[in-house]
Amino acid sequence: MGVYEQLFDDEENMKMNCAAFERKGFKRGEREGFKAGGKAVARRMLSKGMSPEEVSDLTEIPLDEVLRMKKRASRGENGASKDSF
């Protein structure tokens, strides 16, 4: 394989790697955004009086995490007001 062919292969590999990392980054960002949105909805559900069990069931957030969210909200630690997302 000549020098030019090797450079072309290296460049193609680099492009494919960059594209793969970009897709991975988008997926990760999407997951994290979805998770953050779910937690905001869960806080709102709790503030409207839903039980932690209902919130966990509907949002698919583990019950122990919902209970921690409720505890933080009762202490005013989550930074979200009653009507905020």
C-alpha atoms as a PDB file:
ATOM      1  CA  MET A   1       0.000   0.000   0.000  1.00  0.00           C
ATOM      2  CA  GLY A   2       1.352   3.351  -0.990  1.00  0.00           C
ATOM      3  CA  VAL A   3       1.649   6.487   1.118  1.00  0.00           C
ATOM      4  CA  TYR A   4      -1.392   8.114  -0.505  1.00  0.00           C
ATOM      5  CA  GLU A   5      -3.572   5.064   0.037  1.00  0.00           C
ATOM      6  CA  GLN A   6      -2.512   4.919   3.699  1.00  0.00           C
ATOM      7  CA  LEU A   7      -3.314   8.613   4.173  1.00  0.00           C
ATOM      8  CA  PHE A   8      -6.708   8.084   2.549  1.00  0.00           C
ATOM      9  CA  ASP A   9      -7.433   5.087   4.813  1.00  0.00           C
ATOM     10  CA  ASP A  10      -6.356   7.040   7.891  1.00  0.00           C
ATOM     11  CA  GLU A  11      -8.573   9.956   6.924  1.00  0.00           C
ATOM     12  CA  GLU A  12     -11.559   7.664   6.308  1.00  0.00           C
ATOM     13  CA  ASN A  13     -11.013   5.955   9.655  1.00  0.00           C
ATOM     14  CA  MET A  14     -10.825   9.323  11.392  1.00  0.00           C
ATOM     15  CA  LYS A  15     -14.082  10.451   9.748  1.00  0.00           C
ATOM     16  CA  MET A  16     -15.830   7.243  10.769  1.00  0.00           C
ATOM     17  CA  ASN A  17     -14.555   7.567  14.344  1.00  0.00           C
ATOM     18  CA  CYS A  18     -15.680  11.196  14.551  1.00  0.00           C
ATOM     19  CA  ALA A  19     -19.134  10.279  13.261  1.00  0.00           C
ATOM     20  CA  ALA A  20     -19.409   7.441  15.793  1.00  0.00           C
ATOM     21  CA  PHE A  21     -18.379   9.703  18.686  1.00  0.00           C
ATOM     22  CA  GLU A  22     -20.837  12.353  17.531  1.00  0.00           C
ATOM     23  CA  ARG A  23     -23.715   9.841  17.469  1.00  0.00           C
ATOM     24  CA  LYS A  24     -22.699   8.577  20.904  1.00  0.00           C
ATOM     25  CA  GLY A  25     -22.622  12.141  22.264  1.00  0.00           C
ATOM     26  CA  PHE A  26     -26.061  12.959  20.876  1.00  0.00           C
ATOM     27  CA  LYS A  27     -27.538   9.796  22.361  1.00  0.00           C
ATOM     28  CA  ARG A  28     -25.993  10.541  25.743  1.00  0.00           C
ATOM     29  CA  GLY A  29     -27.278  14.107  25.700  1.00  0.00           C
ATOM     30  CA  GLU A  30     -30.718  12.926  24.730  1.00  0.00           C
ATOM     31  CA  ARG A  31     -30.770  10.389  27.582  1.00  0.00           C
ATOM     32  CA  GLU A  32     -29.586  12.949  30.131  1.00  0.00           C
ATOM     33  CA  GLY A  33     -32.122  15.504  28.954  1.00  0.00           C
ATOM     34  CA  PHE A  34     -34.902  12.959  29.117  1.00  0.00           C
ATOM     35  CA  LYS A  35     -33.845  11.936  32.610  1.00  0.00           C
ATOM     36  CA  ALA A  36     -33.752  15.567  33.808  1.00  0.00           C
ATOM     37  CA  GLY A  37     -37.186  16.195  32.318  1.00  0.00           C
ATOM     38  CA  GLY A  38     -38.567  13.109  34.036  1.00  0.00           C
ATOM     39  CA  LYS A  39     -37.261  14.287  37.379  1.00  0.00           C
ATOM     40  CA  ALA A  40     -38.874  17.690  36.889  1.00  0.00           C
ATOM     41  CA  VAL A  41     -42.194  16.008  36.126  1.00  0.00           C
ATOM     42  CA  ALA A  42     -41.786  13.769  39.181  1.00  0.00           C
ATOM     43  CA  ARG A  43     -41.186  16.801  41.430  1.00  0.00           C
ATOM     44  CA  ARG A  44     -44.302  18.426  40.015  1.00  0.00           C
ATOM     45  CA  MET A  45     -46.347  15.266  40.565  1.00  0.00           C
ATOM     46  CA  LEU A  46     -45.166  15.102  44.168  1.00  0.00           C
ATOM     47  CA  SER A  47     -46.031  18.767  44.683  1.00  0.00           C
ATOM     48  CA  LYS A  48     -49.558  18.042  43.441  1.00  0.00           C
ATOM     49  CA  GLY A  49     -49.972  15.408  46.138  1.00  0.00           C
ATOM     50  CA  MET A  50     -49.351  12.181  44.231  1.00  0.00           C
ATOM     51  CA  SER A  51     -47.873   9.382  46.296  1.00  0.00           C
ATOM     52  CA  PRO A  52     -44.224   8.457  45.746  1.00  0.00           C
ATOM     53  CA  GLU A  53     -45.373   5.000  44.646  1.00  0.00           C
ATOM     54  CA  GLU A  54     -47.602   6.492  41.926  1.00  0.00           C
ATOM     55  CA  VAL A  55     -44.853   8.847  40.794  1.00  0.00           C
ATOM     56  CA  SER A  56     -42.360   5.992  40.625  1.00  0.00           C
ATOM     57  CA  ASP A  57     -44.773   3.817  38.696  1.00  0.00           C
ATOM     58  CA  LEU A  58     -45.682   6.497  36.156  1.00  0.00           C
ATOM     59  CA  THR A  59     -42.217   7.987  35.619  1.00  0.00           C
ATOM     60  CA  GLU A  60     -40.239   4.736  35.966  1.00  0.00           C
ATOM     61  CA  ILE A  61     -37.918   6.491  38.408  1.00  0.00           C
ATOM     62  CA  PRO A  62     -36.905   4.078  41.192  1.00  0.00           C
ATOM     63  CA  LEU A  63     -39.004   4.501  44.335  1.00  0.00           C
ATOM     64  CA  ASP A  64     -35.987   5.182  46.559  1.00  0.00           C
ATOM     65  CA  GLU A  65     -34.992   8.070  44.288  1.00  0.00           C
ATOM     66  CA  VAL A  66     -38.534   9.496  44.331  1.00  0.00           C
ATOM     67  CA  LEU A  67     -38.522   9.284  48.126  1.00  0.00           C
ATOM     68  CA  ARG A  68     -35.208  11.204  48.216  1.00  0.00           C
ATOM     69  CA  MET A  69     -36.710  13.823  45.897  1.00  0.00           C
ATOM     70  CA  LYS A  70     -39.722  14.181  48.190  1.00  0.00           C
ATOM     71  CA  LYS A  71     -37.478  14.504  51.247  1.00  0.00           C
ATOM     72  CA  ARG A  72     -35.357  17.198  49.550  1.00  0.00           C
ATOM     73  CA  ALA A  73     -38.497  19.053  48.459  1.00  0.00           C
ATOM     74  CA  SER A  74     -39.860  19.054  51.993  1.00  0.00           C
ATOM     75  CA  ARG A  75     -36.572  20.605  53.154  1.00  0.00           C
ATOM     76  CA  GLY A  76     -36.610  23.057  50.249  1.00  0.00           C
ATOM     77  CA  GLU A  77     -33.381  21.703  48.755  1.00  0.00           C
ATOM     78  CA  ASN A  78     -34.387  20.940  45.175  1.00  0.00           C
ATOM     79  CA  GLY A  79     -34.598  24.556  44.067  1.00  0.00           C
ATOM     80  CA  ALA A  80     -37.910  24.029  42.306  1.00  0.00           C
ATOM     81  CA  SER A  81     -40.963  25.915  43.386  1.00  0.00           C
ATOM     82  CA  LYS A  82     -44.351  24.277  43.554  1.00  0.00           C
ATOM     83  CA  ASP A  83     -45.326  25.394  40.062  1.00  0.00           C
ATOM     84  CA  SER A  84     -41.986  25.196  38.284  1.00  0.00           C
ATOM     85  CA  PHE A  85     -40.720  22.456  36.051  1.00  0.00           C
END
